[in-house]
C-alpha atoms as a PDB file:
ATOM      1  CA  GLN A   1     115.662 -90.983 229.426  1.00  0.00           C
ATOM      2  CA  VAL A   2     113.654 -91.189 226.154  1.00  0.00           C
ATOM      3  CA  GLN A   3     110.094 -89.897 226.353  1.00  0.00           C
ATOM      4  CA  LEU A   4     107.612 -91.777 223.997  1.00  0.00           C
ATOM      5  CA  VAL A   5     104.336 -90.066 222.991  1.00  0.00           C
ATOM      6  CA  GLU A   6     101.894 -92.117 220.989  1.00  0.00           C
ATOM      7  CA  SER A   7      98.780 -90.686 219.082  1.00  0.00           C
ATOM      8  CA  GLY A   8      96.181 -91.501 216.263  1.00  0.00           C
ATOM      9  CA  GLY A   9      94.003 -94.204 217.943  1.00  0.00           C
ATOM     10  CA  GLY A  10      90.225 -93.973 218.152  1.00  0.00           C
ATOM     11  CA  LEU A  11      87.031 -95.901 217.495  1.00  0.00           C
ATOM     12  CA  VAL A  12      86.567 -97.297 214.260  1.00  0.00           C
ATOM     13  CA  GLN A  13      84.369-100.036 212.704  1.00  0.00           C
ATOM     14  CA  PRO A  14      85.500-103.385 211.430  1.00  0.00           C
ATOM     15  CA  GLY A  15      87.258-103.159 208.180  1.00  0.00           C
ATOM     16  CA  GLY A  16      88.225 -99.539 208.691  1.00  0.00           C
ATOM     17  CA  SER A  17      91.619 -97.872 209.018  1.00  0.00           C
ATOM     18  CA  LEU A  18      93.948 -95.908 211.505  1.00  0.00           C
ATOM     19  CA  ARG A  19      97.399 -94.457 211.341  1.00  0.00           C
ATOM     20  CA  LEU A  20      99.207 -94.415 214.644  1.00  0.00           C
ATOM     21  CA  SER A  21     102.122 -91.996 215.216  1.00  0.00           C
ATOM     22  CA  CYS A  22     104.869 -92.198 217.812  1.00  0.00           C
ATOM     23  CA  VAL A  23     107.661 -89.721 218.539  1.00  0.00           C
ATOM     24  CA  ALA A  24     110.452 -90.378 220.880  1.00  0.00           C
ATOM     25  CA  SER A  25     112.383 -87.395 222.435  1.00  0.00           C
ATOM     26  CA  GLY A  26     114.856 -86.719 225.170  1.00  0.00           C
ATOM     27  CA  THR A  27     118.207 -88.248 225.689  1.00  0.00           C
ATOM     28  CA  ILE A  28     118.602 -90.009 222.405  1.00  0.00           C
ATOM     29  CA  LEU A  29     122.117 -91.150 221.114  1.00  0.00           C
ATOM     30  CA  ASN A  30     121.074 -93.545 218.498  1.00  0.00           C
ATOM     31  CA  ILE A  31     117.876 -95.572 217.945  1.00  0.00           C
ATOM     32  CA  ASP A  32     118.536 -98.812 216.105  1.00  0.00           C
ATOM     33  CA  ALA A  33     115.049 -99.807 215.813  1.00  0.00           C
ATOM     34  CA  MET A  34     111.549 -98.922 216.786  1.00  0.00           C
ATOM     35  CA  GLY A  35     108.478-101.105 217.603  1.00  0.00           C
ATOM     36  CA  TRP A  36     104.750-100.941 218.083  1.00  0.00           C
ATOM     37  CA  TYR A  37     103.438-103.132 220.848  1.00  0.00           C
ATOM     38  CA  ARG A  38      99.818-103.590 222.033  1.00  0.00           C
ATOM     39  CA  GLN A  39      98.113-104.791 225.142  1.00  0.00           C
ATOM     40  CA  ALA A  40      94.470-105.859 225.212  1.00  0.00           C
ATOM     41  CA  PRO A  41      92.552-106.185 228.536  1.00  0.00           C
ATOM     42  CA  GLY A  42      93.604-109.124 230.442  1.00  0.00           C
ATOM     43  CA  LYS A  43      96.466-110.009 228.015  1.00  0.00           C
ATOM     44  CA  GLN A  44     100.132-109.434 227.955  1.00  0.00           C
ATOM     45  CA  ARG A  45     101.654-106.840 225.901  1.00  0.00           C
ATOM     46  CA  GLU A  46     102.856-108.149 222.514  1.00  0.00           C
ATOM     47  CA  LEU A  47     104.968-106.767 219.819  1.00  0.00           C
ATOM     48  CA  VAL A  48     103.057-106.398 216.517  1.00  0.00           C
ATOM     49  CA  ALA A  49     105.534-104.695 214.338  1.00  0.00           C
ATOM     50  CA  SER A  50     109.175-103.400 214.326  1.00  0.00           C
ATOM     51  CA  VAL A  51     111.381-101.443 211.928  1.00  0.00           C
ATOM     52  CA  ILE A  52     115.150-101.348 211.980  1.00  0.00           C
ATOM     53  CA  SER A  53     117.123 -98.178 210.954  1.00  0.00           C
ATOM     54  CA  GLY A  54     118.047 -99.938 207.654  1.00  0.00           C
ATOM     55  CA  GLY A  55     114.550-100.336 206.702  1.00  0.00           C
ATOM     56  CA  ASN A  56     113.954-104.105 207.507  1.00  0.00           C
ATOM     57  CA  THR A  57     110.549-104.835 209.189  1.00  0.00           C
ATOM     58  CA  LYS A  58     108.998-107.621 210.998  1.00  0.00           C
ATOM     59  CA  TYR A  59     105.407-108.188 211.777  1.00  0.00           C
ATOM     60  CA  ALA A  60     103.470-110.437 213.982  1.00  0.00           C
ATOM     61  CA  ASP A  61     101.412-113.151 212.070  1.00  0.00           C
ATOM     62  CA  SER A  62      98.307-111.745 213.208  1.00  0.00           C
ATOM     63  CA  VAL A  63      98.700-108.213 211.475  1.00  0.00           C
ATOM     64  CA  LYS A  64     100.770-109.496 208.430  1.00  0.00           C
ATOM     65  CA  GLY A  65      99.185-107.961 205.233  1.00  0.00           C
ATOM     66  CA  ARG A  66      97.089-105.537 207.240  1.00  0.00           C
ATOM     67  CA  PHE A  67      99.572-103.216 209.174  1.00  0.00           C
ATOM     68  CA  THR A  68     102.540-101.476 207.804  1.00  0.00           C
ATOM     69  CA  ILE A  69     105.370 -99.818 210.139  1.00  0.00           C
ATOM     70  CA  SER A  70     107.483 -96.881 208.835  1.00  0.00           C
ATOM     71  CA  SER A  71     109.889 -94.489 210.119  1.00  0.00           C
ATOM     72  CA  GLY A  72     109.485 -90.832 209.670  1.00  0.00           C
ATOM     73  CA  THR A  73     112.009 -88.664 207.964  1.00  0.00           C
ATOM     74  CA  ALA A  74     113.507 -88.046 211.570  1.00  0.00           C
ATOM     75  CA  LYS A  75     114.889 -91.280 213.174  1.00  0.00           C
ATOM     76  CA  ASN A  76     112.895 -90.719 216.306  1.00  0.00           C
ATOM     77  CA  THR A  77     109.422 -91.000 214.689  1.00  0.00           C
ATOM     78  CA  VAL A  78     107.572 -94.172 213.779  1.00  0.00           C
ATOM     79  CA  TYR A  79     104.181 -94.796 212.253  1.00  0.00           C
ATOM     80  CA  LEU A  80     101.805 -97.619 212.099  1.00  0.00           C
ATOM     81  CA  GLN A  81      99.290 -97.755 209.267  1.00  0.00           C
ATOM     82  CA  MET A  82      96.556-100.292 210.355  1.00  0.00           C
ATOM     83  CA  ASN A  83      93.994-101.285 207.612  1.00  0.00           C
ATOM     84  CA  ASN A  84      91.114-103.878 207.433  1.00  0.00           C
ATOM     85  CA  LEU A  85      90.957-103.585 211.370  1.00  0.00           C
ATOM     86  CA  LYS A  86      89.330-106.405 213.299  1.00  0.00           C
ATOM     87  CA  PRO A  87      87.637-106.384 216.800  1.00  0.00           C
ATOM     88  CA  GLU A  88      90.607-108.413 218.107  1.00  0.00           C
ATOM     89  CA  ASP A  89      92.873-105.595 217.146  1.00  0.00           C
ATOM     90  CA  THR A  90      91.176-103.561 220.057  1.00  0.00           C
ATOM     91  CA  ALA A  91      93.974-102.767 222.514  1.00  0.00           C
ATOM     92  CA  VAL A  92      96.215 -99.969 223.880  1.00  0.00           C
ATOM     93  CA  TYR A  93      99.115 -99.390 221.402  1.00  0.00           C
ATOM     94  CA  TYR A  94     102.509 -98.435 222.457  1.00  0.00           C
ATOM     95  CA  CYS A  95     105.760 -97.611 220.813  1.00  0.00           C
ATOM     96  CA  HIS A  96     109.152 -98.351 222.093  1.00  0.00           C
ATOM     97  CA  HIS A  97     112.782 -97.990 221.015  1.00  0.00           C
ATOM     98  CA  LEU A  98     114.633-101.252 220.536  1.00  0.00           C
ATOM     99  CA  SER A  99     117.793-102.762 219.718  1.00  0.00           C
ATOM    100  CA  THR A 100     118.175-104.509 216.289  1.00  0.00           C
ATOM    101  CA  ALA A 101     118.188-107.737 218.118  1.00  0.00           C
ATOM    102  CA  GLN A 102     115.040-107.111 219.976  1.00  0.00           C
ATOM    103  CA  ALA A 103     113.331-105.795 216.911  1.00  0.00           C
ATOM    104  CA  MET A 104     114.152-109.159 215.042  1.00  0.00           C
ATOM    105  CA  GLY A 105     112.855-111.240 218.094  1.00  0.00           C
ATOM    106  CA  ILE A 106     116.316-112.523 218.912  1.00  0.00           C
ATOM    107  CA  LEU A 107     116.471-110.873 222.289  1.00  0.00           C
ATOM    108  CA  PRO A 108     113.467-110.115 224.571  1.00  0.00           C
ATOM    109  CA  GLY A 109     111.959-106.645 224.431  1.00  0.00           C
ATOM    110  CA  PRO A 110     111.476-104.032 227.053  1.00  0.00           C
ATOM    111  CA  THR A 111     109.550-105.314 230.158  1.00  0.00           C
ATOM    112  CA  ASP A 112     106.823-103.694 232.325  1.00  0.00           C
ATOM    113  CA  TYR A 113     109.631-102.342 234.348  1.00  0.00           C
ATOM    114  CA  ASP A 114     110.917-100.134 231.442  1.00  0.00           C
ATOM    115  CA  TYR A 115     109.469 -96.746 230.852  1.00  0.00           C
ATOM    116  CA  TRP A 116     106.512 -96.720 228.504  1.00  0.00           C
ATOM    117  CA  GLY A 117     104.461 -93.917 227.224  1.00  0.00           C
ATOM    118  CA  GLN A 118     100.783 -93.527 227.836  1.00  0.00           C
ATOM    119  CA  GLY A 119      99.813 -95.388 224.642  1.00  0.00           C
ATOM    120  CA  THR A 120      96.875 -94.758 222.411  1.00  0.00           C
ATOM    121  CA  GLN A 121      93.720 -96.590 222.604  1.00  0.00           C
ATOM    122  CA  VAL A 122      92.325 -98.373 219.375  1.00  0.00           C
ATOM    123  CA  THR A 123      88.771 -99.874 219.527  1.00  0.00           C
ATOM    124  CA  VAL A 124      87.400-101.751 216.689  1.00  0.00           C
ATOM    125  CA  SER A 125      83.726-102.058 217.012  1.00  0.00           C
ATOM    126  CA  SER A 126      80.433-101.810 215.140  1.00  0.00           C
END
């Protein structure tokens, strides 16, 4: 089983920035892609950004131009640079390993029945 550990969240004012980190460990044969999800109170978890091992990225419309996903030097690490944060970005952020098809939105991503890490809370408020 793959363990996922997210970090880097916090409280930031609107317009501020945060950088989230994720490390996947455990039984990892090959990770094709990684994605960042978020879940706000009372809302469904949504995919906000994904990166495929070849470097292709995909973003939700709500974060395009503000968030940047990148892979670390190790394939099992991924980062999310979040700039110009807005109150509506407030959520718990999670990372997850994905297939290429999931990362590109062709197939559904992991569900609530899959293993998730503890997430990292991002709060944007003045």
